[in-house]
């Protein structure tokens, strides 16, 4: 338990009920279950139920929640995204209504079935310490390309094999303009993609 918390104590009140208080909260503790905490306490000679731990954490404003899955970003990616946000923060709604957002993603077919939780406070869903970073590529999955705008979703296409620059260009030829038409983006619209090498290749 000492590896998780810098200070952890048990307080016995007049009612003789055990109250578990966490005085210094470490990020590594956020993904530890109440049962794992109970076992750690037991290892150092303190017997307390997992239910008491859960109740006390809730009283401290910490609740078990499923972590949001977010892209695993490098410091460079984070800097680029922040710069993009700052340079576009004052764009009018009319601009955003004309943007076609595109990307690829993997759908995992045979992944881990266990349910994960983190202990977090209200309105702290997307703080980095409360999320579960994921990578976009891996085995046991299918890759899909899709697009959307403020008006709705565009075309969705499965990507066969490993996509290269030429395949990506063919995919855009087959799907982008039809999506623009279906979403009624008009003549002045913005195509948005990330900086994946196959997206920016000059081939």
C-alpha atoms as a PDB file:
ATOM      1  CA  UNK A   1       0.000   0.000   0.000  1.00  0.00           C
ATOM      2  CA  UNK A   2       2.914   2.335   0.633  1.00  0.00           C
ATOM      3  CA  UNK A   3       3.687   2.171  -3.092  1.00  0.00           C
ATOM      4  CA  UNK A   4       0.287   3.714  -3.805  1.00  0.00           C
ATOM      5  CA  UNK A   5      -0.162   6.367  -1.116  1.00  0.00           C
ATOM      6  CA  UNK A   6       2.247   8.683   0.634  1.00  0.00           C
ATOM      7  CA  UNK A   7      -0.025   8.852   3.685  1.00  0.00           C
ATOM      8  CA  UNK A   8      -2.908   6.539   4.532  1.00  0.00           C
ATOM      9  CA  UNK A   9      -4.512   6.244   7.934  1.00  0.00           C
ATOM     10  CA  UNK A  10      -7.349   4.646   9.853  1.00  0.00           C
ATOM     11  CA  UNK A  11      -9.428   6.760  12.212  1.00  0.00           C
ATOM     12  CA  UNK A  12     -11.572   5.185  14.915  1.00  0.00           C
ATOM     13  CA  UNK A  13     -14.396   7.502  15.986  1.00  0.00           C
ATOM     14  CA  UNK A  14     -16.614   7.374  19.046  1.00  0.00           C
ATOM     15  CA  UNK A  15     -19.017   5.146  17.106  1.00  0.00           C
ATOM     16  CA  UNK A  16     -16.205   2.598  16.728  1.00  0.00           C
ATOM     17  CA  UNK A  17     -16.751   2.575  12.961  1.00  0.00           C
ATOM     18  CA  UNK A  18     -13.636   2.513  10.830  1.00  0.00           C
ATOM     19  CA  UNK A  19     -13.120   5.457   8.520  1.00  0.00           C
ATOM     20  CA  UNK A  20     -10.487   5.182   5.804  1.00  0.00           C
ATOM     21  CA  UNK A  21      -9.012   8.567   4.842  1.00  0.00           C
ATOM     22  CA  UNK A  22      -6.718   9.210   1.936  1.00  0.00           C
ATOM     23  CA  UNK A  23      -4.658  12.321   2.705  1.00  0.00           C
ATOM     24  CA  UNK A  24      -2.342  12.329  -0.290  1.00  0.00           C
ATOM     25  CA  UNK A  25      -3.664  10.899  -3.531  1.00  0.00           C
ATOM     26  CA  UNK A  26      -1.219   9.531  -6.088  1.00  0.00           C
ATOM     27  CA  UNK A  27      -2.204   9.082  -9.769  1.00  0.00           C
ATOM     28  CA  UNK A  28      -1.035   5.445  -9.671  1.00  0.00           C
ATOM     29  CA  UNK A  29      -3.743   4.691  -7.113  1.00  0.00           C
ATOM     30  CA  UNK A  30      -6.552   5.762  -9.435  1.00  0.00           C
ATOM     31  CA  UNK A  31      -6.680   2.434 -11.258  1.00  0.00           C
ATOM     32  CA  UNK A  32      -6.397   0.281  -8.119  1.00  0.00           C
ATOM     33  CA  UNK A  33      -9.579  -1.529  -7.111  1.00  0.00           C
ATOM     34  CA  UNK A  34     -11.102  -1.403  -3.642  1.00  0.00           C
ATOM     35  CA  UNK A  35     -10.397  -5.116  -3.270  1.00  0.00           C
ATOM     36  CA  UNK A  36      -6.717  -4.583  -4.088  1.00  0.00           C
ATOM     37  CA  UNK A  37      -6.564  -1.817  -1.494  1.00  0.00           C
ATOM     38  CA  UNK A  38      -8.224  -4.114   1.048  1.00  0.00           C
ATOM     39  CA  UNK A  39      -5.537  -6.751   0.430  1.00  0.00           C
ATOM     40  CA  UNK A  40      -2.746  -4.184   0.743  1.00  0.00           C
ATOM     41  CA  UNK A  41      -4.148  -2.972   4.053  1.00  0.00           C
ATOM     42  CA  UNK A  42      -4.455  -6.553   5.241  1.00  0.00           C
ATOM     43  CA  UNK A  43      -0.791  -7.156   4.370  1.00  0.00           C
ATOM     44  CA  UNK A  44       0.232  -4.384   6.794  1.00  0.00           C
ATOM     45  CA  UNK A  45      -2.060  -5.646   9.560  1.00  0.00           C
ATOM     46  CA  UNK A  46      -5.197  -3.557   9.002  1.00  0.00           C
ATOM     47  CA  UNK A  47      -8.472  -5.357   8.343  1.00  0.00           C
ATOM     48  CA  UNK A  48     -11.109  -3.263   6.597  1.00  0.00           C
ATOM     49  CA  UNK A  49     -13.750  -4.285   4.077  1.00  0.00           C
ATOM     50  CA  UNK A  50     -13.733  -3.300   0.414  1.00  0.00           C
ATOM     51  CA  UNK A  51     -17.194  -1.803   0.963  1.00  0.00           C
ATOM     52  CA  UNK A  52     -15.793   0.550   3.617  1.00  0.00           C
ATOM     53  CA  UNK A  53     -13.026   1.613   1.234  1.00  0.00           C
ATOM     54  CA  UNK A  54     -15.532   2.312  -1.554  1.00  0.00           C
ATOM     55  CA  UNK A  55     -17.807   4.263   0.795  1.00  0.00           C
ATOM     56  CA  UNK A  56     -14.935   6.371   2.112  1.00  0.00           C
ATOM     57  CA  UNK A  57     -13.599   7.128  -1.351  1.00  0.00           C
ATOM     58  CA  UNK A  58     -17.087   8.219  -2.407  1.00  0.00           C
ATOM     59  CA  UNK A  59     -17.261  10.475   0.643  1.00  0.00           C
ATOM     60  CA  UNK A  60     -13.980  12.007  -0.537  1.00  0.00           C
ATOM     61  CA  UNK A  61     -15.628  12.746  -3.886  1.00  0.00           C
ATOM     62  CA  UNK A  62     -13.907   9.880  -5.739  1.00  0.00           C
ATOM     63  CA  UNK A  63     -16.090   7.499  -7.741  1.00  0.00           C
ATOM     64  CA  UNK A  64     -15.279   4.389  -9.775  1.00  0.00           C
ATOM     65  CA  UNK A  65     -15.823   5.228 -13.440  1.00  0.00           C
ATOM     66  CA  UNK A  66     -14.928   3.601 -16.733  1.00  0.00           C
ATOM     67  CA  UNK A  67     -11.934   5.525 -18.153  1.00  0.00           C
ATOM     68  CA  UNK A  68     -12.456   7.257 -21.480  1.00  0.00           C
ATOM     69  CA  UNK A  69     -10.286   5.834 -24.250  1.00  0.00           C
ATOM     70  CA  UNK A  70      -8.147   8.546 -25.787  1.00  0.00           C
ATOM     71  CA  UNK A  71      -5.369   8.522 -28.411  1.00  0.00           C
ATOM     72  CA  UNK A  72      -1.890   7.849 -27.093  1.00  0.00           C
ATOM     73  CA  UNK A  73      -0.198  11.176 -27.926  1.00  0.00           C
ATOM     74  CA  UNK A  74       3.455  12.105 -27.897  1.00  0.00           C
ATOM     75  CA  UNK A  75       4.528  15.495 -26.513  1.00  0.00           C
ATOM     76  CA  UNK A  76       4.951  16.645 -30.132  1.00  0.00           C
ATOM     77  CA  UNK A  77       1.373  15.592 -30.968  1.00  0.00           C
ATOM     78  CA  UNK A  78       0.037  17.394 -27.912  1.00  0.00           C
ATOM     79  CA  UNK A  79       1.893  20.574 -28.841  1.00  0.00           C
ATOM     80  CA  UNK A  80       0.571  20.467 -32.411  1.00  0.00           C
ATOM     81  CA  UNK A  81      -3.009  19.928 -31.261  1.00  0.00           C
ATOM     82  CA  UNK A  82      -2.777  22.779 -28.784  1.00  0.00           C
ATOM     83  CA  UNK A  83      -1.423  25.083 -31.493  1.00  0.00           C
ATOM     84  CA  UNK A  84      -4.272  24.077 -33.806  1.00  0.00           C
ATOM     85  CA  UNK A  85      -6.847  24.759 -31.089  1.00  0.00           C
ATOM     86  CA  UNK A  86      -5.385  28.183 -30.308  1.00  0.00           C
ATOM     87  CA  UNK A  87      -5.240  29.206 -33.975  1.00  0.00           C
ATOM     88  CA  UNK A  88      -8.861  28.167 -34.585  1.00  0.00           C
ATOM     89  CA  UNK A  89     -10.549  29.096 -31.305  1.00  0.00           C
ATOM     90  CA  UNK A  90     -12.106  32.272 -32.760  1.00  0.00           C
ATOM     91  CA  UNK A  91     -13.396  30.698 -35.980  1.00  0.00           C
ATOM     92  CA  UNK A  92     -17.144  31.315 -36.475  1.00  0.00           C
ATOM     93  CA  UNK A  93     -19.696  28.507 -36.469  1.00  0.00           C
ATOM     94  CA  UNK A  94     -20.069  28.904 -40.243  1.00  0.00           C
ATOM     95  CA  UNK A  95     -16.459  27.772 -40.651  1.00  0.00           C
ATOM     96  CA  UNK A  96     -16.917  24.652 -38.522  1.00  0.00           C
ATOM     97  CA  UNK A  97     -20.115  23.784 -40.389  1.00  0.00           C
ATOM     98  CA  UNK A  98     -18.046  23.533 -43.577  1.00  0.00           C
ATOM     99  CA  UNK A  99     -15.326  21.203 -42.231  1.00  0.00           C
ATOM    100  CA  UNK A 100     -15.178  17.552 -43.294  1.00  0.00           C
ATOM    101  CA  UNK A 101     -13.306  15.588 -40.626  1.00  0.00           C
ATOM    102  CA  UNK A 102     -11.639  12.346 -41.742  1.00  0.00           C
ATOM    103  CA  UNK A 103      -9.582   9.612 -40.098  1.00  0.00           C
ATOM    104  CA  UNK A 104      -8.931   5.898 -39.850  1.00  0.00           C
ATOM    105  CA  UNK A 105      -9.465   3.753 -36.794  1.00  0.00           C
ATOM    106  CA  UNK A 106      -9.090   0.143 -35.724  1.00  0.00           C
ATOM    107  CA  UNK A 107     -12.005  -1.837 -34.347  1.00  0.00           C
ATOM    108  CA  UNK A 108     -10.724  -4.500 -31.975  1.00  0.00           C
ATOM    109  CA  UNK A 109     -12.301  -7.885 -32.641  1.00  0.00           C
ATOM    110  CA  UNK A 110     -10.734 -10.066 -29.966  1.00  0.00           C
ATOM    111  CA  UNK A 111      -9.448  -7.896 -27.161  1.00  0.00           C
ATOM    112  CA  UNK A 112      -9.366  -8.077 -23.381  1.00  0.00           C
ATOM    113  CA  UNK A 113     -12.849  -8.528 -21.949  1.00  0.00           C
ATOM    114  CA  UNK A 114     -12.090  -7.234 -18.463  1.00  0.00           C
ATOM    115  CA  UNK A 115     -13.765  -4.034 -17.293  1.00  0.00           C
ATOM    116  CA  UNK A 116     -11.458  -1.313 -16.036  1.00  0.00           C
ATOM    117  CA  UNK A 117     -12.277   1.563 -13.721  1.00  0.00           C
ATOM    118  CA  UNK A 118     -10.575   4.650 -12.336  1.00  0.00           C
ATOM    119  CA  UNK A 119     -11.349   6.608  -9.182  1.00  0.00           C
ATOM    120  CA  UNK A 120     -12.023  10.212 -10.199  1.00  0.00           C
ATOM    121  CA  UNK A 121     -13.915  13.309  -9.156  1.00  0.00           C
ATOM    122  CA  UNK A 122     -16.927  14.808 -10.910  1.00  0.00           C
ATOM    123  CA  UNK A 123     -16.183  16.727 -14.135  1.00  0.00           C
ATOM    124  CA  UNK A 124     -12.653  15.297 -14.332  1.00  0.00           C
ATOM    125  CA  UNK A 125     -13.445  12.743 -17.054  1.00  0.00           C
ATOM    126  CA  UNK A 126     -10.851  13.822 -19.595  1.00  0.00           C
ATOM    127  CA  UNK A 127      -7.946  14.662 -17.330  1.00  0.00           C
ATOM    128  CA  UNK A 128      -5.052  12.605 -18.670  1.00  0.00           C
ATOM    129  CA  UNK A 129      -4.622  10.664 -15.423  1.00  0.00           C
ATOM    130  CA  UNK A 130      -8.252   9.491 -15.687  1.00  0.00           C
ATOM    131  CA  UNK A 131      -8.122   8.219 -19.273  1.00  0.00           C
ATOM    132  CA  UNK A 132      -6.939   5.014 -20.901  1.00  0.00           C
ATOM    133  CA  UNK A 133      -4.462   5.728 -23.743  1.00  0.00           C
ATOM    134  CA  UNK A 134      -4.871   3.549 -26.822  1.00  0.00           C
ATOM    135  CA  UNK A 135      -2.883   3.046 -30.023  1.00  0.00           C
ATOM    136  CA  UNK A 136      -4.451   3.103 -33.474  1.00  0.00           C
ATOM    137  CA  UNK A 137      -2.803   0.010 -34.931  1.00  0.00           C
ATOM    138  CA  UNK A 138      -2.616  -3.547 -33.717  1.00  0.00           C
ATOM    139  CA  UNK A 139      -3.618  -7.136 -34.402  1.00  0.00           C
ATOM    140  CA  UNK A 140      -7.001  -8.810 -34.170  1.00  0.00           C
ATOM    141  CA  UNK A 141      -8.894  -5.898 -35.648  1.00  0.00           C
ATOM    142  CA  UNK A 142     -10.239  -4.314 -38.808  1.00  0.00           C
ATOM    143  CA  UNK A 143      -9.376  -0.832 -40.017  1.00  0.00           C
ATOM    144  CA  UNK A 144     -12.073   1.588 -41.107  1.00  0.00           C
ATOM    145  CA  UNK A 145     -11.911   4.999 -42.769  1.00  0.00           C
ATOM    146  CA  UNK A 146     -14.716   7.432 -42.152  1.00  0.00           C
ATOM    147  CA  UNK A 147     -15.685  11.085 -42.218  1.00  0.00           C
ATOM    148  CA  UNK A 148     -18.210  13.438 -40.639  1.00  0.00           C
ATOM    149  CA  UNK A 149     -19.267  17.071 -40.501  1.00  0.00           C
ATOM    150  CA  UNK A 150     -21.533  19.065 -38.226  1.00  0.00           C
ATOM    151  CA  UNK A 151     -24.452  18.014 -40.467  1.00  0.00           C
ATOM    152  CA  UNK A 152     -23.862  14.307 -39.851  1.00  0.00           C
ATOM    153  CA  UNK A 153     -21.767  11.324 -40.891  1.00  0.00           C
ATOM    154  CA  UNK A 154     -20.311  10.696 -44.327  1.00  0.00           C
ATOM    155  CA  UNK A 155     -19.213   7.489 -45.991  1.00  0.00           C
ATOM    156  CA  UNK A 156     -17.531   4.647 -44.119  1.00  0.00           C
ATOM    157  CA  UNK A 157     -15.188   2.192 -45.804  1.00  0.00           C
ATOM    158  CA  UNK A 158     -13.201  -0.794 -44.665  1.00  0.00           C
ATOM    159  CA  UNK A 159      -9.479  -0.655 -45.414  1.00  0.00           C
ATOM    160  CA  UNK A 160      -8.075  -3.911 -46.760  1.00  0.00           C
ATOM    161  CA  UNK A 161      -4.570  -4.767 -45.623  1.00  0.00           C
ATOM    162  CA  UNK A 162      -2.038  -2.091 -44.762  1.00  0.00           C
ATOM    163  CA  UNK A 163      -2.971   1.221 -46.315  1.00  0.00           C
ATOM    164  CA  UNK A 164      -0.288   3.118 -48.238  1.00  0.00           C
ATOM    165  CA  UNK A 165      -0.364   6.523 -49.879  1.00  0.00           C
ATOM    166  CA  UNK A 166      -1.765   5.336 -53.214  1.00  0.00           C
ATOM    167  CA  UNK A 167      -4.519   3.316 -51.553  1.00  0.00           C
ATOM    168  CA  UNK A 168      -5.352   6.318 -49.398  1.00  0.00           C
ATOM    169  CA  UNK A 169      -5.700   8.559 -52.446  1.00  0.00           C
ATOM    170  CA  UNK A 170      -7.999   6.036 -54.128  1.00  0.00           C
ATOM    171  CA  UNK A 171     -10.087   5.864 -50.966  1.00  0.00           C
ATOM    172  CA  UNK A 172     -10.466   9.641 -50.954  1.00  0.00           C
ATOM    173  CA  UNK A 173     -11.455   9.650 -54.647  1.00  0.00           C
ATOM    174  CA  UNK A 174     -14.170   7.077 -53.939  1.00  0.00           C
ATOM    175  CA  UNK A 175     -15.615   8.652 -50.807  1.00  0.00           C
ATOM    176  CA  UNK A 176     -14.869  12.314 -50.142  1.00  0.00           C
ATOM    177  CA  UNK A 177     -16.834  14.130 -52.851  1.00  0.00           C
ATOM    178  CA  UNK A 178     -19.861  11.885 -52.377  1.00  0.00           C
ATOM    179  CA  UNK A 179     -19.775  12.662 -48.668  1.00  0.00           C
ATOM    180  CA  UNK A 180     -19.463  16.399 -49.349  1.00  0.00           C
ATOM    181  CA  UNK A 181     -22.519  16.198 -51.590  1.00  0.00           C
ATOM    182  CA  UNK A 182     -24.538  14.116 -49.140  1.00  0.00           C
ATOM    183  CA  UNK A 183     -23.705  16.474 -46.270  1.00  0.00           C
ATOM    184  CA  UNK A 184     -24.406  19.568 -48.394  1.00  0.00           C
ATOM    185  CA  UNK A 185     -21.176  21.295 -47.516  1.00  0.00           C
ATOM    186  CA  UNK A 186     -21.355  23.487 -50.612  1.00  0.00           C
ATOM    187  CA  UNK A 187     -18.452  24.731 -52.712  1.00  0.00           C
ATOM    188  CA  UNK A 188     -16.354  26.265 -49.950  1.00  0.00           C
ATOM    189  CA  UNK A 189     -15.510  23.467 -47.560  1.00  0.00           C
ATOM    190  CA  UNK A 190     -12.417  22.388 -45.605  1.00  0.00           C
ATOM    191  CA  UNK A 191     -10.888  18.919 -45.752  1.00  0.00           C
ATOM    192  CA  UNK A 192      -9.403  17.946 -42.377  1.00  0.00           C
ATOM    193  CA  UNK A 193      -6.932  15.078 -41.840  1.00  0.00           C
ATOM    194  CA  UNK A 194      -4.059  14.362 -39.461  1.00  0.00           C
ATOM    195  CA  UNK A 195      -0.344  14.318 -40.282  1.00  0.00           C
ATOM    196  CA  UNK A 196       0.006  10.594 -40.888  1.00  0.00           C
ATOM    197  CA  UNK A 197       2.837  10.120 -43.450  1.00  0.00           C
ATOM    198  CA  UNK A 198       0.530   8.486 -46.005  1.00  0.00           C
ATOM    199  CA  UNK A 199      -1.765  11.496 -45.745  1.00  0.00           C
ATOM    200  CA  UNK A 200       0.963  13.985 -46.628  1.00  0.00           C
ATOM    201  CA  UNK A 201       2.931  11.965 -49.179  1.00  0.00           C
ATOM    202  CA  UNK A 202       3.529  13.690 -52.521  1.00  0.00           C
ATOM    203  CA  UNK A 203       3.116  10.471 -54.524  1.00  0.00           C
END
